[in-house]
Amino acid sequence: MPPCTHHKVHPVLYFNLCSVIRPHVAGGIALYLSAYPNATLQDVKDALFSSTNRSGLGYGAGTCGGIPETEFPNNSYGYGVLDIAAAISK
């Protein structure tokens, strides 16, 4: 779940990742809550943050905001890639 950043996809257009990430995370939370309807906010956060996929993220990268991209969470990749199947299976 990376932090909000802007990526240039065209010489004039910028793509704000917040606009894409929020609905995906909201959908993941909805799926998690459908599997665990009595889960608390802390349960959801713990499940999502502890099950992210970090494979291939940050290796050989530098730093962003003073945090190495090989440490998680960081300013480039956040906690990693949302893996709702892993969160539900825990």
N, C-alpha and C. Protein backbone atom coordinates (compact mmCIF):
# COMPACT_ATOMS: atom_id res chain seq x y z
N MET A 1 0.83 -1.15 0.00
CA MET A 1 0.00 0.00 0.00
C MET A 1 0.89 1.23 0.00
N PRO A 2 1.28 1.63 -1.18
CA PRO A 2 2.20 2.75 -1.24
C PRO A 2 1.57 4.07 -0.85
N PRO A 3 2.38 5.00 -0.42
CA PRO A 3 1.86 6.33 -0.10
C PRO A 3 1.45 7.04 -1.38
N CYS A 4 0.79 8.14 -1.24
CA CYS A 4 0.31 8.89 -2.40
C CYS A 4 1.46 9.58 -3.11
N THR A 5 1.61 9.28 -4.38
CA THR A 5 2.63 9.92 -5.19
C THR A 5 2.05 10.23 -6.55
N HIS A 6 2.70 11.07 -7.30
CA HIS A 6 2.28 11.41 -8.65
C HIS A 6 3.26 10.81 -9.64
N HIS A 7 2.73 10.20 -10.68
CA HIS A 7 3.57 9.63 -11.72
C HIS A 7 3.22 10.27 -13.05
N LYS A 8 4.23 10.64 -13.78
CA LYS A 8 4.03 11.26 -15.07
C LYS A 8 3.76 10.17 -16.10
N VAL A 9 2.59 10.22 -16.72
CA VAL A 9 2.23 9.23 -17.73
C VAL A 9 2.14 9.86 -19.12
N HIS A 10 2.31 11.14 -19.19
CA HIS A 10 2.22 11.90 -20.44
C HIS A 10 2.93 13.22 -20.17
N PRO A 11 3.45 13.88 -21.20
CA PRO A 11 4.15 15.15 -20.95
C PRO A 11 3.31 16.18 -20.18
N VAL A 12 2.00 16.07 -20.23
CA VAL A 12 1.15 17.05 -19.55
C VAL A 12 0.34 16.43 -18.42
N LEU A 13 0.04 15.15 -18.53
CA LEU A 13 -0.83 14.50 -17.56
C LEU A 13 -0.04 13.84 -16.43
N TYR A 14 -0.56 13.94 -15.24
CA TYR A 14 0.01 13.25 -14.08
C TYR A 14 -1.03 12.30 -13.53
N PHE A 15 -0.58 11.18 -13.03
CA PHE A 15 -1.45 10.15 -12.50
C PHE A 15 -1.26 10.11 -11.00
N ASN A 16 -2.30 10.41 -10.24
CA ASN A 16 -2.22 10.42 -8.79
C ASN A 16 -2.57 9.03 -8.27
N LEU A 17 -1.61 8.35 -7.68
CA LEU A 17 -1.83 6.99 -7.20
C LEU A 17 -2.87 6.92 -6.09
N CYS A 18 -3.07 8.00 -5.35
CA CYS A 18 -4.09 7.98 -4.31
C CYS A 18 -5.45 7.66 -4.91
N SER A 19 -5.72 8.16 -6.09
CA SER A 19 -7.01 7.94 -6.73
C SER A 19 -7.22 6.48 -7.08
N VAL A 20 -6.16 5.75 -7.31
CA VAL A 20 -6.26 4.34 -7.68
C VAL A 20 -6.19 3.45 -6.44
N ILE A 21 -5.37 3.80 -5.49
CA ILE A 21 -5.14 2.94 -4.35
C ILE A 21 -6.34 2.90 -3.40
N ARG A 22 -6.94 4.03 -3.15
CA ARG A 22 -8.02 4.08 -2.17
C ARG A 22 -9.16 3.11 -2.49
N PRO A 23 -9.68 3.06 -3.72
CA PRO A 23 -10.76 2.10 -3.98
C PRO A 23 -10.31 0.64 -3.85
N HIS A 24 -9.06 0.37 -4.19
CA HIS A 24 -8.56 -1.00 -4.05
C HIS A 24 -8.47 -1.40 -2.58
N VAL A 25 -7.98 -0.52 -1.76
CA VAL A 25 -7.87 -0.82 -0.33
C VAL A 25 -9.27 -0.92 0.27
N ALA A 26 -10.18 -0.03 -0.12
CA ALA A 26 -11.56 -0.08 0.39
C ALA A 26 -12.21 -1.41 0.00
N GLY A 27 -11.98 -1.85 -1.22
CA GLY A 27 -12.52 -3.14 -1.66
C GLY A 27 -11.91 -4.29 -0.88
N GLY A 28 -10.61 -4.20 -0.61
CA GLY A 28 -9.94 -5.24 0.19
C GLY A 28 -10.48 -5.29 1.60
N ILE A 29 -10.75 -4.12 2.17
CA ILE A 29 -11.32 -4.07 3.52
C ILE A 29 -12.72 -4.69 3.50
N ALA A 30 -13.51 -4.38 2.47
CA ALA A 30 -14.86 -4.95 2.37
C ALA A 30 -14.79 -6.48 2.27
N LEU A 31 -13.86 -7.00 1.47
CA LEU A 31 -13.70 -8.45 1.36
C LEU A 31 -13.29 -9.06 2.69
N TYR A 32 -12.36 -8.40 3.37
CA TYR A 32 -11.91 -8.90 4.67
C TYR A 32 -13.07 -8.92 5.67
N LEU A 33 -13.85 -7.83 5.69
CA LEU A 33 -14.97 -7.76 6.62
C LEU A 33 -16.08 -8.74 6.27
N SER A 34 -16.20 -9.10 5.00
CA SER A 34 -17.19 -10.12 4.64
C SER A 34 -16.77 -11.49 5.18
N ALA A 35 -15.46 -11.72 5.26
CA ALA A 35 -14.96 -12.97 5.83
C ALA A 35 -14.94 -12.94 7.36
N TYR A 36 -14.71 -11.76 7.92
CA TYR A 36 -14.63 -11.58 9.38
C TYR A 36 -15.51 -10.41 9.79
N PRO A 37 -16.82 -10.59 9.82
CA PRO A 37 -17.73 -9.46 10.07
C PRO A 37 -17.59 -8.83 11.46
N ASN A 38 -17.02 -9.51 12.41
CA ASN A 38 -16.85 -8.95 13.75
C ASN A 38 -15.46 -8.36 13.97
N ALA A 39 -14.69 -8.25 12.92
CA ALA A 39 -13.33 -7.71 13.04
C ALA A 39 -13.37 -6.24 13.45
N THR A 40 -12.44 -5.87 14.29
CA THR A 40 -12.30 -4.47 14.70
C THR A 40 -11.42 -3.74 13.68
N LEU A 41 -11.37 -2.43 13.80
CA LEU A 41 -10.49 -1.64 12.94
C LEU A 41 -9.05 -2.11 13.10
N GLN A 42 -8.63 -2.37 14.32
CA GLN A 42 -7.26 -2.83 14.55
C GLN A 42 -7.03 -4.20 13.93
N ASP A 43 -8.02 -5.09 13.97
CA ASP A 43 -7.90 -6.40 13.33
C ASP A 43 -7.66 -6.23 11.83
N VAL A 44 -8.43 -5.35 11.21
CA VAL A 44 -8.31 -5.12 9.77
C VAL A 44 -6.93 -4.56 9.44
N LYS A 45 -6.50 -3.55 10.18
CA LYS A 45 -5.19 -2.95 9.94
C LYS A 45 -4.08 -3.98 10.11
N ASP A 46 -4.13 -4.73 11.18
CA ASP A 46 -3.10 -5.74 11.44
C ASP A 46 -3.06 -6.77 10.30
N ALA A 47 -4.23 -7.23 9.87
CA ALA A 47 -4.28 -8.24 8.81
C ALA A 47 -3.74 -7.70 7.50
N LEU A 48 -4.15 -6.50 7.12
CA LEU A 48 -3.71 -5.93 5.84
C LEU A 48 -2.22 -5.61 5.86
N PHE A 49 -1.75 -4.97 6.92
CA PHE A 49 -0.35 -4.56 6.97
C PHE A 49 0.60 -5.76 7.09
N SER A 50 0.17 -6.81 7.79
CA SER A 50 1.07 -7.95 7.99
C SER A 50 1.08 -8.93 6.82
N SER A 51 0.16 -8.75 5.87
CA SER A 51 0.08 -9.72 4.77
C SER A 51 0.46 -9.13 3.41
N THR A 52 1.00 -7.92 3.40
CA THR A 52 1.38 -7.33 2.11
C THR A 52 2.50 -8.11 1.45
N ASN A 53 2.52 -8.07 0.14
CA ASN A 53 3.55 -8.75 -0.65
C ASN A 53 4.64 -7.73 -0.93
N ARG A 54 5.85 -8.05 -0.54
CA ARG A 54 6.99 -7.14 -0.74
C ARG A 54 7.98 -7.69 -1.75
N SER A 55 7.61 -8.75 -2.41
CA SER A 55 8.49 -9.41 -3.36
C SER A 55 8.88 -8.46 -4.49
N GLY A 56 10.17 -8.26 -4.65
CA GLY A 56 10.68 -7.43 -5.73
C GLY A 56 10.62 -5.94 -5.50
N LEU A 57 10.15 -5.51 -4.34
CA LEU A 57 10.05 -4.08 -4.07
C LEU A 57 11.29 -3.57 -3.33
N GLY A 58 11.86 -2.51 -3.82
CA GLY A 58 12.91 -1.82 -3.11
C GLY A 58 14.31 -2.37 -3.23
N TYR A 59 14.49 -3.42 -4.00
CA TYR A 59 15.83 -4.01 -4.09
C TYR A 59 16.68 -3.25 -5.08
N GLY A 60 17.80 -2.75 -4.61
CA GLY A 60 18.68 -1.96 -5.44
C GLY A 60 18.25 -0.51 -5.53
N ALA A 61 17.24 -0.15 -4.75
CA ALA A 61 16.72 1.21 -4.80
C ALA A 61 17.45 2.09 -3.79
N GLY A 62 17.16 3.34 -3.86
CA GLY A 62 17.79 4.31 -2.97
C GLY A 62 16.94 4.58 -1.75
N THR A 63 16.83 5.85 -1.43
CA THR A 63 16.02 6.27 -0.29
C THR A 63 15.00 7.29 -0.76
N CYS A 64 13.96 7.45 0.02
CA CYS A 64 12.95 8.47 -0.24
C CYS A 64 12.55 9.04 1.11
N GLY A 65 12.80 10.31 1.30
CA GLY A 65 12.49 10.93 2.58
C GLY A 65 13.34 10.42 3.71
N GLY A 66 14.54 9.94 3.38
CA GLY A 66 15.46 9.46 4.40
C GLY A 66 15.23 8.02 4.83
N ILE A 67 14.24 7.36 4.26
CA ILE A 67 13.96 5.96 4.60
C ILE A 67 14.40 5.08 3.44
N PRO A 68 15.27 4.12 3.68
CA PRO A 68 15.69 3.22 2.60
C PRO A 68 14.49 2.46 2.04
N GLU A 69 14.47 2.26 0.75
CA GLU A 69 13.35 1.56 0.12
C GLU A 69 13.36 0.07 0.40
N THR A 70 14.36 -0.42 1.12
CA THR A 70 14.39 -1.82 1.52
C THR A 70 13.78 -2.03 2.91
N GLU A 71 13.44 -0.93 3.60
CA GLU A 71 12.76 -1.00 4.90
C GLU A 71 11.28 -0.74 4.67
N PHE A 72 10.44 -1.44 5.40
CA PHE A 72 9.00 -1.27 5.25
C PHE A 72 8.38 -0.94 6.59
N PRO A 73 7.44 0.00 6.65
CA PRO A 73 6.95 0.81 5.55
C PRO A 73 7.98 1.85 5.14
N ASN A 74 7.89 2.29 3.88
CA ASN A 74 8.76 3.35 3.39
C ASN A 74 7.94 4.33 2.57
N ASN A 75 8.58 5.37 2.09
CA ASN A 75 7.88 6.43 1.37
C ASN A 75 7.67 6.15 -0.11
N SER A 76 8.17 5.03 -0.60
CA SER A 76 7.96 4.68 -2.01
C SER A 76 6.91 3.60 -2.18
N TYR A 77 6.94 2.58 -1.32
CA TYR A 77 6.05 1.43 -1.46
C TYR A 77 5.12 1.24 -0.28
N GLY A 78 5.20 2.11 0.71
CA GLY A 78 4.37 1.94 1.90
C GLY A 78 4.67 0.63 2.58
N TYR A 79 3.65 -0.16 2.83
CA TYR A 79 3.80 -1.47 3.46
C TYR A 79 4.03 -2.57 2.44
N GLY A 80 3.80 -2.29 1.17
CA GLY A 80 3.94 -3.28 0.11
C GLY A 80 2.66 -3.36 -0.71
N VAL A 81 2.51 -4.44 -1.46
CA VAL A 81 1.36 -4.63 -2.34
C VAL A 81 0.27 -5.37 -1.56
N LEU A 82 -0.94 -4.83 -1.61
CA LEU A 82 -2.08 -5.43 -0.92
C LEU A 82 -2.29 -6.86 -1.40
N ASP A 83 -2.39 -7.79 -0.45
CA ASP A 83 -2.64 -9.20 -0.76
C ASP A 83 -3.80 -9.65 0.12
N ILE A 84 -5.01 -9.37 -0.34
CA ILE A 84 -6.19 -9.63 0.49
C ILE A 84 -6.40 -11.12 0.72
N ALA A 85 -6.04 -11.96 -0.24
CA ALA A 85 -6.18 -13.41 -0.05
C ALA A 85 -5.31 -13.87 1.13
N ALA A 86 -4.11 -13.33 1.23
CA ALA A 86 -3.23 -13.67 2.35
C ALA A 86 -3.81 -13.14 3.67
N ALA A 87 -4.39 -11.95 3.62
CA ALA A 87 -4.96 -11.36 4.84
C ALA A 87 -6.13 -12.20 5.34
N ILE A 88 -6.96 -12.68 4.43
CA ILE A 88 -8.14 -13.47 4.82
C ILE A 88 -7.74 -14.86 5.31
N SER A 89 -6.68 -15.41 4.75
CA SER A 89 -6.29 -16.78 5.11
C SER A 89 -5.52 -16.86 6.42
N LYS A 90 -5.16 -15.74 7.01
CA LYS A 90 -4.41 -15.76 8.27
C LYS A 90 -5.31 -16.13 9.43
